[in-house]
Protein backbone atom coordinates (compact mmCIF):
# COMPACT_ATOMS: atom_id res chain seq x y z
CA MET A 1 -6.35 -53.35 1.94
CA TYR A 2 -3.60 -51.00 2.35
CA SER A 3 -2.17 -50.84 -0.94
CA GLN A 4 -3.58 -46.98 -1.46
CA PHE A 5 -1.77 -45.84 1.89
CA LYS A 6 1.64 -46.60 0.04
CA THR A 7 2.86 -43.36 -0.64
CA TRP A 8 5.53 -42.93 1.85
CA GLU A 9 7.75 -45.14 -0.99
CA ALA A 10 7.17 -42.58 -3.50
CA ALA A 11 7.59 -39.98 -1.70
CA GLY A 12 11.32 -40.48 -1.20
CA GLU A 13 12.28 -39.93 -5.22
CA ILE A 14 10.46 -36.60 -5.41
CA MET A 15 12.60 -33.97 -6.35
CA TYR A 16 10.73 -30.50 -5.57
CA SER A 17 12.66 -26.69 -4.82
CA ILE A 18 10.84 -23.68 -3.35
CA ILE A 19 11.35 -20.96 -5.34
CA GLU A 20 10.41 -16.99 -5.71
CA LEU A 21 8.96 -15.59 -8.41
CA ASN A 22 6.92 -12.42 -8.82
CA ASN A 23 7.67 -11.95 -5.06
CA LYS A 24 5.41 -15.19 -3.92
CA GLN A 25 7.23 -18.67 -3.23
CA TYR A 26 6.21 -21.54 -5.21
CA LYS A 27 6.56 -24.98 -4.65
CA ILE A 28 7.65 -27.23 -7.64
CA GLU A 29 8.32 -30.48 -8.11
CA PHE A 30 10.76 -30.97 -11.00
CA GLY A 31 8.96 -32.41 -14.63
CA LYS A 32 5.45 -31.30 -13.67
CA PRO A 33 4.35 -28.26 -15.33
CA PHE A 34 2.73 -25.76 -12.80
CA LEU A 35 0.87 -22.28 -12.76
CA VAL A 36 2.96 -18.96 -11.59
CA ASP A 37 1.31 -15.40 -11.91
CA ASN A 38 1.84 -13.93 -15.40
CA LEU A 39 5.22 -13.76 -16.25
CA SER A 40 6.95 -11.35 -18.97
CA VAL A 41 8.70 -14.36 -20.93
CA GLU A 42 7.66 -15.37 -24.41
CA PRO A 43 5.75 -19.14 -24.84
CA ASN A 44 8.63 -22.02 -26.13
CA LYS A 45 11.17 -19.64 -24.66
CA GLU A 46 13.72 -20.94 -21.82
CA PHE A 47 14.83 -18.50 -18.37
CA GLN A 48 16.75 -18.47 -15.65
CA ILE A 49 15.10 -18.81 -11.92
CA ASP A 50 18.27 -17.67 -9.26
CA LYS A 51 15.71 -17.00 -6.66
CA VAL A 52 15.66 -21.04 -4.87
CA LEU A 53 14.96 -20.72 -1.31
CA LEU A 54 14.89 -24.63 -0.86
CA PHE A 55 16.62 -27.68 -2.75
CA ARG A 56 15.55 -31.23 -1.85
CA ASP A 57 16.72 -33.94 -4.33
CA ASP A 58 15.86 -37.50 -4.88
CA LYS A 59 18.77 -38.70 -2.27
CA ASP A 60 16.46 -37.17 0.80
CA GLU A 61 19.14 -33.91 0.64
CA VAL A 62 17.96 -30.84 1.49
CA LYS A 63 19.72 -27.02 1.18
CA VAL A 64 18.12 -24.52 2.48
CA GLY A 65 19.17 -21.13 1.60
CA THR A 66 19.76 -17.87 4.06
CA PRO A 67 17.84 -16.59 2.12
CA TYR A 68 18.55 -18.06 -1.27
CA ILE A 69 20.99 -20.91 -2.12
CA LYS A 70 24.36 -19.38 -3.65
CA ASP A 71 25.31 -21.15 -6.76
CA MET A 72 21.98 -22.68 -7.68
CA LYS A 73 20.08 -21.98 -10.36
CA LEU A 74 17.35 -23.38 -11.95
CA THR A 75 16.17 -23.57 -16.15
CA ALA A 76 12.69 -23.06 -16.97
CA LYS A 77 10.89 -22.98 -19.89
CA VAL A 78 7.58 -21.11 -20.63
CA LEU A 79 4.96 -23.69 -22.27
CA GLY A 80 2.03 -20.58 -22.76
CA ASN A 81 -0.27 -18.40 -21.32
CA SER A 82 -3.86 -19.14 -19.55
CA LYS A 83 -6.29 -17.06 -17.36
CA GLY A 84 -7.89 -18.91 -14.42
CA LYS A 85 -11.71 -18.84 -12.96
CA LYS A 86 -13.31 -15.90 -13.55
CA VAL A 87 -13.47 -13.50 -9.57
CA ARG A 88 -16.48 -11.27 -8.72
CA VAL A 89 -17.11 -8.89 -6.24
CA PHE A 90 -20.34 -8.06 -5.05
CA LYS A 91 -20.61 -4.89 -2.78
CA TYR A 92 -23.63 -3.60 -1.40
CA LYS A 93 -25.41 -1.35 1.12
CA LYS A 94 -28.74 -2.14 2.70
CA ARG A 95 -31.75 0.12 2.45
CA LYS A 96 -29.85 2.34 -0.03
CA ASP A 97 -30.08 1.17 -3.20
CA TYR A 98 -26.29 0.69 -4.07
CA ARG A 99 -25.06 -2.57 -5.47
CA ARG A 100 -21.86 -2.83 -7.73
CA THR A 101 -20.57 -5.87 -9.76
CA ARG A 102 -16.83 -6.01 -10.52
CA GLY A 103 -15.09 -9.24 -12.33
CA ALA A 104 -11.78 -10.02 -13.61
CA ARG A 105 -9.69 -13.41 -14.52
CA PRO A 106 -6.42 -13.51 -13.09
CA GLU A 107 -3.64 -14.43 -15.78
CA TYR A 108 -1.34 -17.09 -15.32
CA THR A 109 2.17 -18.68 -16.95
CA LYS A 110 2.73 -22.18 -16.95
CA ILE A 111 6.03 -23.38 -16.62
CA LEU A 112 8.19 -26.30 -16.41
CA ILE A 113 11.56 -27.03 -14.66
CA GLU A 114 13.93 -28.38 -16.88
CA LYS A 115 17.28 -28.63 -15.40
CA VAL A 116 19.14 -27.18 -12.41
């Protein structure tokens, strides 16, 4: 009955980190691909992330930076680029026959953290 709530044991084994890319902060888990805002790195290339704010390893040891952790660099691999869902902006003024619709699709980069 309570087997679906046994996520506490698995939570102790997850390695994650909080990083800063393009002036935005992301919580990333190691081994899982995730989307960030568009980077100017080609697909299948590796790059270094040196702005690590917090790091938690699989032994529940947490390192917190002030503001960044010294001598901590993550190696990430770019898996590809993609576009997000369309965002529509509609503005109007009542009784003035003024209607404008604008739309855009944000671009994302999928990356994977390979090593610390």
